[in-house]
PDB file of N, CA and C in Angstrom:
ATOM      1  N   MET A   1       0.814  -1.185   0.000  1.00  0.00           N
ATOM      2  CA  MET A   1       0.000   0.000   0.000  1.00  0.00           C
ATOM      3  C   MET A   1       0.860   1.252   0.000  1.00  0.00           C
ATOM      4  N   THR A   2       2.130   1.116   0.174  1.00  0.00           N
ATOM      5  CA  THR A   2       3.006   2.279   0.195  1.00  0.00           C
ATOM      6  C   THR A   2       2.868   3.045  -1.104  1.00  0.00           C
ATOM      7  N   GLY A   3       2.755   4.379  -0.978  1.00  0.00           N
ATOM      8  CA  GLY A   3       2.638   5.204  -2.155  1.00  0.00           C
ATOM      9  C   GLY A   3       1.197   5.448  -2.576  1.00  0.00           C
ATOM     10  N   GLN A   4       0.256   4.700  -2.010  1.00  0.00           N
ATOM     11  CA  GLN A   4      -1.152   4.866  -2.328  1.00  0.00           C
ATOM     12  C   GLN A   4      -1.896   5.266  -1.076  1.00  0.00           C
ATOM     13  N   THR A   5      -2.982   5.986  -1.279  1.00  0.00           N
ATOM     14  CA  THR A   5      -3.836   6.337  -0.169  1.00  0.00           C
ATOM     15  C   THR A   5      -5.046   5.428  -0.198  1.00  0.00           C
ATOM     16  N   MET A   6      -5.356   4.835   0.915  1.00  0.00           N
ATOM     17  CA  MET A   6      -6.523   3.977   1.018  1.00  0.00           C
ATOM     18  C   MET A   6      -7.717   4.869   1.360  1.00  0.00           C
ATOM     19  N   THR A   7      -8.782   4.713   0.602  1.00  0.00           N
ATOM     20  CA  THR A   7      -9.966   5.529   0.849  1.00  0.00           C
ATOM     21  C   THR A   7     -10.696   5.032   2.099  1.00  0.00           C
ATOM     22  N   LEU A   8     -11.532   5.898   2.635  1.00  0.00           N
ATOM     23  CA  LEU A   8     -12.352   5.512   3.787  1.00  0.00           C
ATOM     24  C   LEU A   8     -13.242   4.330   3.427  1.00  0.00           C
ATOM     25  N   LYS A   9     -13.787   4.331   2.228  1.00  0.00           N
ATOM     26  CA  LYS A   9     -14.640   3.225   1.774  1.00  0.00           C
ATOM     27  C   LYS A   9     -13.855   1.907   1.771  1.00  0.00           C
ATOM     28  N   GLU A  10     -12.620   1.948   1.298  1.00  0.00           N
ATOM     29  CA  GLU A  10     -11.775   0.744   1.293  1.00  0.00           C
ATOM     30  C   GLU A  10     -11.472   0.273   2.715  1.00  0.00           C
ATOM     31  N   LYS A  11     -11.177   1.231   3.604  1.00  0.00           N
ATOM     32  CA  LYS A  11     -10.892   0.882   4.994  1.00  0.00           C
ATOM     33  C   LYS A  11     -12.110   0.251   5.647  1.00  0.00           C
ATOM     34  N   LEU A  12     -13.284   0.827   5.420  1.00  0.00           N
ATOM     35  CA  LEU A  12     -14.506   0.286   6.011  1.00  0.00           C
ATOM     36  C   LEU A  12     -14.830  -1.102   5.483  1.00  0.00           C
ATOM     37  N   ALA A  13     -14.593  -1.336   4.206  1.00  0.00           N
ATOM     38  CA  ALA A  13     -14.826  -2.667   3.628  1.00  0.00           C
ATOM     39  C   ALA A  13     -13.924  -3.706   4.292  1.00  0.00           C
ATOM     40  N   ILE A  14     -12.689  -3.340   4.553  1.00  0.00           N
ATOM     41  CA  ILE A  14     -11.770  -4.259   5.223  1.00  0.00           C
ATOM     42  C   ILE A  14     -12.231  -4.516   6.658  1.00  0.00           C
ATOM     43  N   ILE A  15     -12.663  -3.470   7.339  1.00  0.00           N
ATOM     44  CA  ILE A  15     -13.129  -3.637   8.713  1.00  0.00           C
ATOM     45  C   ILE A  15     -14.346  -4.558   8.766  1.00  0.00           C
ATOM     46  N   VAL A  16     -15.273  -4.405   7.825  1.00  0.00           N
ATOM     47  CA  VAL A  16     -16.452  -5.277   7.772  1.00  0.00           C
ATOM     48  C   VAL A  16     -16.020  -6.729   7.574  1.00  0.00           C
ATOM     49  N   LYS A  17     -15.089  -6.963   6.659  1.00  0.00           N
ATOM     50  CA  LYS A  17     -14.593  -8.322   6.400  1.00  0.00           C
ATOM     51  C   LYS A  17     -13.862  -8.865   7.636  1.00  0.00           C
ATOM     52  N   THR A  18     -13.146  -8.009   8.329  1.00  0.00           N
ATOM     53  CA  THR A  18     -12.449  -8.417   9.550  1.00  0.00           C
ATOM     54  C   THR A  18     -13.446  -8.898  10.602  1.00  0.00           C
ATOM     55  N   VAL A  19     -14.535  -8.173  10.755  1.00  0.00           N
ATOM     56  CA  VAL A  19     -15.574  -8.570  11.714  1.00  0.00           C
ATOM     57  C   VAL A  19     -16.165  -9.916  11.307  1.00  0.00           C
ATOM     58  N   GLU A  20     -16.385 -10.113  10.018  1.00  0.00           N
ATOM     59  CA  GLU A  20     -16.912 -11.407   9.537  1.00  0.00           C
ATOM     60  C   GLU A  20     -15.948 -12.539   9.879  1.00  0.00           C
ATOM     61  N   PHE A  21     -14.673 -12.334   9.645  1.00  0.00           N
ATOM     62  CA  PHE A  21     -13.675 -13.350   9.995  1.00  0.00           C
ATOM     63  C   PHE A  21     -13.693 -13.626  11.495  1.00  0.00           C
ATOM     64  N   ASP A  22     -13.714 -12.572  12.275  1.00  0.00           N
ATOM     65  CA  ASP A  22     -13.695 -12.710  13.721  1.00  0.00           C
ATOM     66  C   ASP A  22     -14.919 -13.491  14.214  1.00  0.00           C
ATOM     67  N   GLU A  23     -16.087 -13.151  13.697  1.00  0.00           N
ATOM     68  CA  GLU A  23     -17.314 -13.847  14.096  1.00  0.00           C
ATOM     69  C   GLU A  23     -17.320 -15.305  13.671  1.00  0.00           C
ATOM     70  N   ALA A  24     -16.571 -15.634  12.616  1.00  0.00           N
ATOM     71  CA  ALA A  24     -16.460 -17.008  12.138  1.00  0.00           C
ATOM     72  C   ALA A  24     -15.353 -17.774  12.866  1.00  0.00           C
ATOM     73  N   GLY A  25     -14.729 -17.131  13.860  1.00  0.00           N
ATOM     74  CA  GLY A  25     -13.667 -17.791  14.611  1.00  0.00           C
ATOM     75  C   GLY A  25     -12.334 -17.809  13.896  1.00  0.00           C
ATOM     76  N   LYS A  26     -12.179 -16.981  12.892  1.00  0.00           N
ATOM     77  CA  LYS A  26     -10.937 -16.932  12.110  1.00  0.00           C
ATOM     78  C   LYS A  26     -10.102 -15.736  12.579  1.00  0.00           C
ATOM     79  N   GLU A  27      -9.615 -15.825  13.817  1.00  0.00           N
ATOM     80  CA  GLU A  27      -8.898 -14.704  14.424  1.00  0.00           C
ATOM     81  C   GLU A  27      -7.610 -14.359  13.688  1.00  0.00           C
ATOM     82  N   ASP A  28      -6.875 -15.376  13.235  1.00  0.00           N
ATOM     83  CA  ASP A  28      -5.618 -15.103  12.525  1.00  0.00           C
ATOM     84  C   ASP A  28      -5.872 -14.350  11.225  1.00  0.00           C
ATOM     85  N   GLU A  29      -6.902 -14.765  10.488  1.00  0.00           N
ATOM     86  CA  GLU A  29      -7.250 -14.083   9.254  1.00  0.00           C
ATOM     87  C   GLU A  29      -7.718 -12.653   9.535  1.00  0.00           C
ATOM     88  N   ALA A  30      -8.485 -12.497  10.606  1.00  0.00           N
ATOM     89  CA  ALA A  30      -8.964 -11.168  10.986  1.00  0.00           C
ATOM     90  C   ALA A  30      -7.792 -10.240  11.303  1.00  0.00           C
ATOM     91  N   MET A  31      -6.824 -10.727  12.061  1.00  0.00           N
ATOM     92  CA  MET A  31      -5.675  -9.902  12.424  1.00  0.00           C
ATOM     93  C   MET A  31      -4.838  -9.558  11.193  1.00  0.00           C
ATOM     94  N   ALA A  32      -4.621 -10.537  10.331  1.00  0.00           N
ATOM     95  CA  ALA A  32      -3.834 -10.282   9.119  1.00  0.00           C
ATOM     96  C   ALA A  32      -4.506  -9.219   8.249  1.00  0.00           C
ATOM     97  N   LEU A  33      -5.820  -9.294   8.130  1.00  0.00           N
ATOM     98  CA  LEU A  33      -6.543  -8.316   7.335  1.00  0.00           C
ATOM     99  C   LEU A  33      -6.537  -6.943   8.005  1.00  0.00           C
ATOM    100  N   THR A  34      -6.668  -6.923   9.318  1.00  0.00           N
ATOM    101  CA  THR A  34      -6.628  -5.662  10.064  1.00  0.00           C
ATOM    102  C   THR A  34      -5.326  -4.929   9.801  1.00  0.00           C
ATOM    103  N   LYS A  35      -4.238  -5.655   9.713  1.00  0.00           N
ATOM    104  CA  LYS A  35      -2.930  -5.035   9.514  1.00  0.00           C
ATOM    105  C   LYS A  35      -2.766  -4.401   8.142  1.00  0.00           C
ATOM    106  N   THR A  36      -3.690  -4.678   7.214  1.00  0.00           N
ATOM    107  CA  THR A  36      -3.596  -4.068   5.889  1.00  0.00           C
ATOM    108  C   THR A  36      -4.123  -2.639   5.881  1.00  0.00           C
ATOM    109  N   VAL A  37      -4.922  -2.277   6.886  1.00  0.00           N
ATOM    110  CA  VAL A  37      -5.415  -0.902   7.003  1.00  0.00           C
ATOM    111  C   VAL A  37      -4.276  -0.051   7.564  1.00  0.00           C
ATOM    112  N   PRO A  38      -3.970   1.070   6.928  1.00  0.00           N
ATOM    113  CA  PRO A  38      -2.856   1.887   7.421  1.00  0.00           C
ATOM    114  C   PRO A  38      -3.028   2.305   8.881  1.00  0.00           C
ATOM    115  N   MET A  39      -1.974   2.110   9.645  1.00  0.00           N
ATOM    116  CA  MET A  39      -1.970   2.568  11.033  1.00  0.00           C
ATOM    117  C   MET A  39      -1.915   4.096  11.016  1.00  0.00           C
ATOM    118  N   PRO A  40      -2.769   4.753  11.795  1.00  0.00           N
ATOM    119  CA  PRO A  40      -2.715   6.220  11.841  1.00  0.00           C
ATOM    120  C   PRO A  40      -1.329   6.691  12.283  1.00  0.00           C
ATOM    121  N   PRO A  41      -0.825   7.747  11.656  1.00  0.00           N
ATOM    122  CA  PRO A  41       0.517   8.229  11.983  1.00  0.00           C
ATOM    123  C   PRO A  41       0.744   8.499  13.468  1.00  0.00           C
ATOM    124  N   PHE A  42      -0.236   9.097  14.150  1.00  0.00           N
ATOM    125  CA  PHE A  42      -0.037   9.387  15.573  1.00  0.00           C
ATOM    126  C   PHE A  42       0.158   8.108  16.368  1.00  0.00           C
ATOM    127  N   LEU A  43      -0.560   7.045  15.992  1.00  0.00           N
ATOM    128  CA  LEU A  43      -0.428   5.770  16.696  1.00  0.00           C
ATOM    129  C   LEU A  43       0.908   5.103  16.363  1.00  0.00           C
ATOM    130  N   ALA A  44       1.318   5.184  15.102  1.00  0.00           N
ATOM    131  CA  ALA A  44       2.612   4.620  14.711  1.00  0.00           C
ATOM    132  C   ALA A  44       3.745   5.281  15.479  1.00  0.00           C
ATOM    133  N   LYS A  45       3.652   6.599  15.659  1.00  0.00           N
ATOM    134  CA  LYS A  45       4.682   7.332  16.402  1.00  0.00           C
ATOM    135  C   LYS A  45       4.717   6.877  17.856  1.00  0.00           C
ATOM    136  N   ILE A  46       3.565   6.710  18.467  1.00  0.00           N
ATOM    137  CA  ILE A  46       3.497   6.227  19.851  1.00  0.00           C
ATOM    138  C   ILE A  46       4.055   4.813  19.948  1.00  0.00           C
ATOM    139  N   MET A  47       3.676   3.959  19.003  1.00  0.00           N
ATOM    140  CA  MET A  47       4.170   2.573  19.010  1.00  0.00           C
ATOM    141  C   MET A  47       5.695   2.540  18.874  1.00  0.00           C
ATOM    142  N   LYS A  48       6.236   3.397  18.027  1.00  0.00           N
ATOM    143  CA  LYS A  48       7.696   3.456  17.874  1.00  0.00           C
ATOM    144  C   LYS A  48       8.345   3.798  19.209  1.00  0.00           C
ATOM    145  N   GLU A  49       7.767   4.774  19.914  1.00  0.00           N
ATOM    146  CA  GLU A  49       8.321   5.184  21.209  1.00  0.00           C
ATOM    147  C   GLU A  49       8.166   4.106  22.273  1.00  0.00           C
ATOM    148  N   LYS A  50       7.054   3.386  22.260  1.00  0.00           N
ATOM    149  CA  LYS A  50       6.751   2.426  23.325  1.00  0.00           C
ATOM    150  C   LYS A  50       7.341   1.038  23.091  1.00  0.00           C
ATOM    151  N   VAL A  51       7.280   0.543  21.851  1.00  0.00           N
ATOM    152  CA  VAL A  51       7.754  -0.827  21.597  1.00  0.00           C
ATOM    153  C   VAL A  51       8.934  -0.901  20.647  1.00  0.00           C
ATOM    154  N   GLY A  52       9.268   0.233  20.034  1.00  0.00           N
ATOM    155  CA  GLY A  52      10.461   0.292  19.204  1.00  0.00           C
ATOM    156  C   GLY A  52      10.220   0.104  17.719  1.00  0.00           C
ATOM    157  N   ALA A  53      11.167   0.610  16.963  1.00  0.00           N
ATOM    158  CA  ALA A  53      11.103   0.559  15.503  1.00  0.00           C
ATOM    159  C   ALA A  53      11.177  -0.871  14.985  1.00  0.00           C
ATOM    160  N   ASP A  54      11.984  -1.710  15.628  1.00  0.00           N
ATOM    161  CA  ASP A  54      12.116  -3.096  15.167  1.00  0.00           C
ATOM    162  C   ASP A  54      10.781  -3.817  15.188  1.00  0.00           C
ATOM    163  N   TYR A  55      10.002  -3.603  16.246  1.00  0.00           N
ATOM    164  CA  TYR A  55       8.685  -4.229  16.308  1.00  0.00           C
ATOM    165  C   TYR A  55       7.840  -3.796  15.110  1.00  0.00           C
ATOM    166  N   LEU A  56       7.804  -2.500  14.860  1.00  0.00           N
ATOM    167  CA  LEU A  56       6.987  -2.007  13.754  1.00  0.00           C
ATOM    168  C   LEU A  56       7.472  -2.545  12.413  1.00  0.00           C
ATOM    169  N   LEU A  57       8.775  -2.608  12.229  1.00  0.00           N
ATOM    170  CA  LEU A  57       9.317  -3.128  10.977  1.00  0.00           C
ATOM    171  C   LEU A  57       8.957  -4.594  10.758  1.00  0.00           C
ATOM    172  N   ASN A  58       8.884  -5.362  11.830  1.00  0.00           N
ATOM    173  CA  ASN A  58       8.643  -6.806  11.725  1.00  0.00           C
ATOM    174  C   ASN A  58       7.201  -7.214  11.980  1.00  0.00           C
ATOM    175  N   SER A  59       6.340  -6.261  12.283  1.00  0.00           N
ATOM    176  CA  SER A  59       4.982  -6.585  12.706  1.00  0.00           C
ATOM    177  C   SER A  59       4.004  -6.867  11.577  1.00  0.00           C
ATOM    178  N   GLY A  60       4.285  -6.346  10.415  1.00  0.00           N
ATOM    179  CA  GLY A  60       3.359  -6.524   9.307  1.00  0.00           C
ATOM    180  C   GLY A  60       2.295  -5.448   9.198  1.00  0.00           C
ATOM    181  N   TRP A  61       2.314  -4.463  10.105  1.00  0.00           N
ATOM    182  CA  TRP A  61       1.341  -3.374  10.029  1.00  0.00           C
ATOM    183  C   TRP A  61       1.631  -2.503   8.816  1.00  0.00           C
ATOM    184  N   ASN A  62       0.588  -1.993   8.206  1.00  0.00           N
ATOM    185  CA  ASN A  62       0.700  -1.070   7.083  1.00  0.00           C
ATOM    186  C   ASN A  62       1.057   0.302   7.650  1.00  0.00           C
ATOM    187  N   LEU A  63       2.236   0.776   7.340  1.00  0.00           N
ATOM    188  CA  LEU A  63       2.739   2.048   7.866  1.00  0.00           C
ATOM    189  C   LEU A  63       2.789   3.135   6.797  1.00  0.00           C
ATOM    190  N   SER A  64       2.030   2.953   5.720  1.00  0.00           N
ATOM    191  CA  SER A  64       2.104   3.879   4.590  1.00  0.00           C
ATOM    192  C   SER A  64       1.715   5.306   4.964  1.00  0.00           C
ATOM    193  N   GLU A  65       0.720   5.483   5.821  1.00  0.00           N
ATOM    194  CA  GLU A  65       0.321   6.845   6.198  1.00  0.00           C
ATOM    195  C   GLU A  65       1.377   7.508   7.079  1.00  0.00           C
ATOM    196  N   ALA A  66       2.020   6.740   7.946  1.00  0.00           N
ATOM    197  CA  ALA A  66       3.104   7.283   8.765  1.00  0.00           C
ATOM    198  C   ALA A  66       4.288   7.665   7.883  1.00  0.00           C
ATOM    199  N   GLU A  67       4.603   6.828   6.898  1.00  0.00           N
ATOM    200  CA  GLU A  67       5.695   7.143   5.976  1.00  0.00           C
ATOM    201  C   GLU A  67       5.383   8.404   5.179  1.00  0.00           C
ATOM    202  N   ALA A  68       4.132   8.560   4.758  1.00  0.00           N
ATOM    203  CA  ALA A  68       3.746   9.753   4.004  1.00  0.00           C
ATOM    204  C   ALA A  68       3.873  11.007   4.865  1.00  0.00           C
ATOM    205  N   GLU A  69       3.535  10.889   6.146  1.00  0.00           N
ATOM    206  CA  GLU A  69       3.579  12.058   7.028  1.00  0.00           C
ATOM    207  C   GLU A  69       4.974  12.358   7.553  1.00  0.00           C
ATOM    208  N   PHE A  70       5.718  11.317   7.926  1.00  0.00           N
ATOM    209  CA  PHE A  70       7.008  11.514   8.590  1.00  0.00           C
ATOM    210  C   PHE A  70       8.216  11.290   7.692  1.00  0.00           C
ATOM    211  N   GLY A  71       8.017  10.723   6.500  1.00  0.00           N
ATOM    212  CA  GLY A  71       9.113  10.389   5.595  1.00  0.00           C
ATOM    213  C   GLY A  71       9.445   8.903   5.674  1.00  0.00           C
ATOM    214  N   GLN A  72       9.983   8.380   4.604  1.00  0.00           N
ATOM    215  CA  GLN A  72      10.256   6.934   4.535  1.00  0.00           C
ATOM    216  C   GLN A  72      11.273   6.461   5.569  1.00  0.00           C
ATOM    217  N   ASP A  73      12.140   7.356   6.015  1.00  0.00           N
ATOM    218  CA  ASP A  73      13.175   6.943   6.966  1.00  0.00           C
ATOM    219  C   ASP A  73      12.800   7.225   8.428  1.00  0.00           C
ATOM    220  N   TRP A  74      11.550   7.497   8.713  1.00  0.00           N
ATOM    221  CA  TRP A  74      11.146   7.911  10.048  1.00  0.00           C
ATOM    222  C   TRP A  74      11.437   6.863  11.109  1.00  0.00           C
ATOM    223  N   LEU A  75      11.407   5.589  10.757  1.00  0.00           N
ATOM    224  CA  LEU A  75      11.684   4.555  11.764  1.00  0.00           C
ATOM    225  C   LEU A  75      13.158   4.487  12.142  1.00  0.00           C
ATOM    226  N   SER A  76      14.027   4.883  11.248  1.00  0.00           N
ATOM    227  CA  SER A  76      15.459   4.812  11.533  1.00  0.00           C
ATOM    228  C   SER A  76      15.988   6.085  12.187  1.00  0.00           C
ATOM    229  N   ARG A  77      15.150   7.088  12.328  1.00  0.00           N
ATOM    230  CA  ARG A  77      15.586   8.343  12.974  1.00  0.00           C
ATOM    231  C   ARG A  77      15.283   8.318  14.442  1.00  0.00           C
TER     232      ARG A  77
END
């Protein structure tokens, strides 16, 4: 998703599908799909401070909005 902006409609569609997975007992699929929605930049910044850049780099979370706001090298700074 890097380089693209996900629309609100796209985010909501993913959230609806995530709820369907969760209700079907497919927690792993729900979590994997949840991670495709860009993490809000303010939350990514807090996560970097609290759990570190390595966690974010290895977590699988979509950080495209944080990269757009803070720059591609924001995790290494």
